[in-house]
C-alpha atoms as a PDB file:
ATOM      1  CA  UNK A   1     -29.470  48.389 -11.159  1.00  0.00           C
ATOM      2  CA  UNK A   2     -33.028  49.533 -11.775  1.00  0.00           C
ATOM      3  CA  UNK A   3     -35.623  48.409  -9.232  1.00  0.00           C
ATOM      4  CA  UNK A   4     -39.343  49.026  -8.946  1.00  0.00           C
ATOM      5  CA  UNK A   5     -41.038  49.799  -5.651  1.00  0.00           C
ATOM      6  CA  UNK A   6     -42.115  46.174  -5.087  1.00  0.00           C
ATOM      7  CA  UNK A   7     -38.546  44.936  -5.503  1.00  0.00           C
ATOM      8  CA  UNK A   8     -37.268  47.625  -3.147  1.00  0.00           C
ATOM      9  CA  UNK A   9     -39.886  46.717  -0.540  1.00  0.00           C
ATOM     10  CA  UNK A  10     -39.152  43.001  -0.806  1.00  0.00           C
ATOM     11  CA  UNK A  11     -35.397  43.532  -0.445  1.00  0.00           C
ATOM     12  CA  UNK A  12     -35.940  45.798   2.562  1.00  0.00           C
ATOM     13  CA  UNK A  13     -38.209  43.210   4.163  1.00  0.00           C
ATOM     14  CA  UNK A  14     -35.720  40.377   3.727  1.00  0.00           C
ATOM     15  CA  UNK A  15     -32.704  42.439   4.768  1.00  0.00           C
ATOM     16  CA  UNK A  16     -34.586  43.585   7.858  1.00  0.00           C
ATOM     17  CA  UNK A  17     -35.353  39.939   8.716  1.00  0.00           C
ATOM     18  CA  UNK A  18     -31.651  39.136   8.369  1.00  0.00           C
ATOM     19  CA  UNK A  19     -30.455  42.004  10.562  1.00  0.00           C
ATOM     20  CA  UNK A  20     -30.325  39.825  13.663  1.00  0.00           C
ATOM     21  CA  UNK A  21     -28.596  36.939  11.904  1.00  0.00           C
ATOM     22  CA  UNK A  22     -24.919  36.533  12.651  1.00  0.00           C
ATOM     23  CA  UNK A  23     -22.870  36.464   9.464  1.00  0.00           C
ATOM     24  CA  UNK A  24     -19.375  37.351   8.320  1.00  0.00           C
ATOM     25  CA  UNK A  25     -18.389  41.003   8.669  1.00  0.00           C
ATOM     26  CA  UNK A  26     -18.203  41.745   4.921  1.00  0.00           C
ATOM     27  CA  UNK A  27     -21.659  40.312   4.237  1.00  0.00           C
ATOM     28  CA  UNK A  28     -23.129  42.189   7.215  1.00  0.00           C
ATOM     29  CA  UNK A  29     -21.546  45.410   5.987  1.00  0.00           C
ATOM     30  CA  UNK A  30     -22.833  44.926   2.425  1.00  0.00           C
ATOM     31  CA  UNK A  31     -26.344  44.154   3.630  1.00  0.00           C
ATOM     32  CA  UNK A  32     -26.342  47.133   6.016  1.00  0.00           C
ATOM     33  CA  UNK A  33     -25.188  49.535   3.299  1.00  0.00           C
ATOM     34  CA  UNK A  34     -27.692  48.135   0.808  1.00  0.00           C
ATOM     35  CA  UNK A  35     -30.478  48.386   3.372  1.00  0.00           C
ATOM     36  CA  UNK A  36     -29.679  52.038   4.107  1.00  0.00           C
ATOM     37  CA  UNK A  37     -29.644  52.862   0.397  1.00  0.00           C
ATOM     38  CA  UNK A  38     -32.935  51.079  -0.240  1.00  0.00           C
ATOM     39  CA  UNK A  39     -34.632  52.729   2.743  1.00  0.00           C
ATOM     40  CA  UNK A  40     -33.764  56.142   1.284  1.00  0.00           C
ATOM     41  CA  UNK A  41     -35.439  55.164  -1.989  1.00  0.00           C
ATOM     42  CA  UNK A  42     -38.450  53.841  -0.097  1.00  0.00           C
ATOM     43  CA  UNK A  43     -38.712  57.091   1.890  1.00  0.00           C
ATOM     44  CA  UNK A  44     -38.592  59.071  -1.370  1.00  0.00           C
ATOM     45  CA  UNK A  45     -41.411  56.962  -2.833  1.00  0.00           C
ATOM     46  CA  UNK A  46     -43.535  57.294   0.313  1.00  0.00           C
ATOM     47  CA  UNK A  47     -43.073  61.072   0.206  1.00  0.00           C
ATOM     48  CA  UNK A  48     -44.251  61.054  -3.434  1.00  0.00           C
ATOM     49  CA  UNK A  49     -47.308  59.037  -2.363  1.00  0.00           C
ATOM     50  CA  UNK A  50     -48.013  61.552   0.404  1.00  0.00           C
ATOM     51  CA  UNK A  51     -47.777  64.489  -2.001  1.00  0.00           C
ATOM     52  CA  UNK A  52     -50.000  62.648  -4.480  1.00  0.00           C
ATOM     53  CA  UNK A  53     -52.664  62.088  -1.829  1.00  0.00           C
ATOM     54  CA  UNK A  54     -52.575  65.692  -0.668  1.00  0.00           C
ATOM     55  CA  UNK A  55     -52.875  67.040  -4.203  1.00  0.00           C
ATOM     56  CA  UNK A  56     -55.540  64.729  -5.645  1.00  0.00           C
ATOM     57  CA  UNK A  57     -57.625  63.187  -2.865  1.00  0.00           C
ATOM     58  CA  UNK A  58     -60.480  64.720  -0.884  1.00  0.00           C
ATOM     59  CA  UNK A  59     -59.599  65.160   2.787  1.00  0.00           C
ATOM     60  CA  UNK A  60     -62.099  65.320   5.632  1.00  0.00           C
ATOM     61  CA  UNK A  61     -60.553  67.845   8.038  1.00  0.00           C
ATOM     62  CA  UNK A  62     -63.014  66.961  10.794  1.00  0.00           C
ATOM     63  CA  UNK A  63     -62.181  63.242  10.743  1.00  0.00           C
ATOM     64  CA  UNK A  64     -58.545  63.878   9.761  1.00  0.00           C
ATOM     65  CA  UNK A  65     -58.640  61.253   7.015  1.00  0.00           C
ATOM     66  CA  UNK A  66     -59.018  60.935   3.269  1.00  0.00           C
ATOM     67  CA  UNK A  67     -62.587  60.461   2.041  1.00  0.00           C
ATOM     68  CA  UNK A  68     -63.339  56.916   0.866  1.00  0.00           C
ATOM     69  CA  UNK A  69     -66.127  56.049  -1.557  1.00  0.00           C
ATOM     70  CA  UNK A  70     -65.614  52.327  -0.880  1.00  0.00           C
ATOM     71  CA  UNK A  71     -63.117  50.191   1.021  1.00  0.00           C
ATOM     72  CA  UNK A  72     -59.658  51.512  -0.021  1.00  0.00           C
ATOM     73  CA  UNK A  73     -61.173  53.607  -2.841  1.00  0.00           C
ATOM     74  CA  UNK A  74     -60.563  57.298  -2.291  1.00  0.00           C
ATOM     75  CA  UNK A  75     -62.547  60.257  -3.611  1.00  0.00           C
ATOM     76  CA  UNK A  76     -60.628  62.349  -6.135  1.00  0.00           C
ATOM     77  CA  UNK A  77     -60.951  66.126  -5.976  1.00  0.00           C
ATOM     78  CA  UNK A  78     -63.356  67.522  -8.575  1.00  0.00           C
ATOM     79  CA  UNK A  79     -61.763  68.408 -11.896  1.00  0.00           C
ATOM     80  CA  UNK A  80     -58.542  66.487 -11.229  1.00  0.00           C
ATOM     81  CA  UNK A  81     -59.658  63.015 -12.341  1.00  0.00           C
ATOM     82  CA  UNK A  82     -57.552  62.785 -15.534  1.00  0.00           C
ATOM     83  CA  UNK A  83     -54.501  64.418 -13.977  1.00  0.00           C
ATOM     84  CA  UNK A  84     -54.864  62.083 -10.996  1.00  0.00           C
ATOM     85  CA  UNK A  85     -54.944  58.993 -13.251  1.00  0.00           C
ATOM     86  CA  UNK A  86     -51.785  60.149 -15.036  1.00  0.00           C
ATOM     87  CA  UNK A  87     -50.021  60.881 -11.743  1.00  0.00           C
ATOM     88  CA  UNK A  88     -51.094  57.477 -10.373  1.00  0.00           C
ATOM     89  CA  UNK A  89     -49.701  55.749 -13.469  1.00  0.00           C
ATOM     90  CA  UNK A  90     -46.416  57.586 -12.997  1.00  0.00           C
ATOM     91  CA  UNK A  91     -46.258  56.436  -9.370  1.00  0.00           C
ATOM     92  CA  UNK A  92     -47.103  52.879 -10.415  1.00  0.00           C
ATOM     93  CA  UNK A  93     -44.195  53.003 -12.882  1.00  0.00           C
ATOM     94  CA  UNK A  94     -41.766  54.249 -10.207  1.00  0.00           C
ATOM     95  CA  UNK A  95     -38.264  52.856 -10.534  1.00  0.00           C
ATOM     96  CA  UNK A  96     -35.036  53.769  -8.811  1.00  0.00           C
ATOM     97  CA  UNK A  97     -31.533  53.450 -10.173  1.00  0.00           C
ATOM     98  CA  UNK A  98     -29.437  52.134  -7.277  1.00  0.00           C
ATOM     99  CA  UNK A  99     -25.892  50.903  -6.980  1.00  0.00           C
ATOM    100  CA  UNK A 100     -26.263  47.961  -4.633  1.00  0.00           C
ATOM    101  CA  UNK A 101     -23.256  46.073  -3.392  1.00  0.00           C
ATOM    102  CA  UNK A 102     -23.212  42.624  -4.937  1.00  0.00           C
ATOM    103  CA  UNK A 103     -22.493  39.699  -2.640  1.00  0.00           C
ATOM    104  CA  UNK A 104     -20.362  36.922  -4.105  1.00  0.00           C
ATOM    105  CA  UNK A 105     -22.159  33.575  -4.180  1.00  0.00           C
ATOM    106  CA  UNK A 106     -19.180  31.903  -2.501  1.00  0.00           C
ATOM    107  CA  UNK A 107     -19.604  34.238   0.497  1.00  0.00           C
ATOM    108  CA  UNK A 108     -23.156  33.097   1.209  1.00  0.00           C
ATOM    109  CA  UNK A 109     -23.331  29.532  -0.102  1.00  0.00           C
ATOM    110  CA  UNK A 110     -22.824  28.055   3.383  1.00  0.00           C
ATOM    111  CA  UNK A 111     -25.490  30.288   4.948  1.00  0.00           C
ATOM    112  CA  UNK A 112     -29.074  29.149   5.360  1.00  0.00           C
ATOM    113  CA  UNK A 113     -31.899  31.112   3.760  1.00  0.00           C
ATOM    114  CA  UNK A 114     -35.589  30.507   3.339  1.00  0.00           C
ATOM    115  CA  UNK A 115     -36.765  30.307  -0.283  1.00  0.00           C
ATOM    116  CA  UNK A 116     -38.457  33.710   0.164  1.00  0.00           C
ATOM    117  CA  UNK A 117     -35.246  35.291   1.410  1.00  0.00           C
ATOM    118  CA  UNK A 118     -33.210  33.732  -1.361  1.00  0.00           C
ATOM    119  CA  UNK A 119     -35.662  34.856  -4.040  1.00  0.00           C
ATOM    120  CA  UNK A 120     -35.372  38.467  -2.858  1.00  0.00           C
ATOM    121  CA  UNK A 121     -31.614  38.363  -2.351  1.00  0.00           C
ATOM    122  CA  UNK A 122     -31.076  36.823  -5.775  1.00  0.00           C
ATOM    123  CA  UNK A 123     -30.902  40.382  -7.137  1.00  0.00           C
ATOM    124  CA  UNK A 124     -27.731  41.100  -5.137  1.00  0.00           C
ATOM    125  CA  UNK A 125     -25.998  37.721  -5.188  1.00  0.00           C
ATOM    126  CA  UNK A 126     -23.401  37.578  -7.916  1.00  0.00           C
ATOM    127  CA  UNK A 127     -22.419  34.220  -9.361  1.00  0.00           C
ATOM    128  CA  UNK A 128     -18.685  34.049  -9.841  1.00  0.00           C
ATOM    129  CA  UNK A 129     -17.220  32.810 -13.064  1.00  0.00           C
END
């Protein structure tokens, strides 16, 4: 399954919320394994973001922070503007190919979920035929 960073983040958020919920062993195991897999992808993306920032953004060594030209707008190093835009686009298009464990609908149909949780988990709930 191919997921973008937003989908990965949303699944991690919901699975983290559900960590303290008691549920059958198999569902708990599937969610735990999926969560670990997704966290690795998230860590990879965050590392790419860190490398991007170090390569393209001005850093104020005295303040120990990236230079901002406006609220949440960072100054790009001179001469790297076009390369930075291309790298940013590549990061924005980030996807990860992951093999998540699918949870059978029958295994979770008696559980209670908020609409937000269900919307995120919809990606890993498999309807049985």
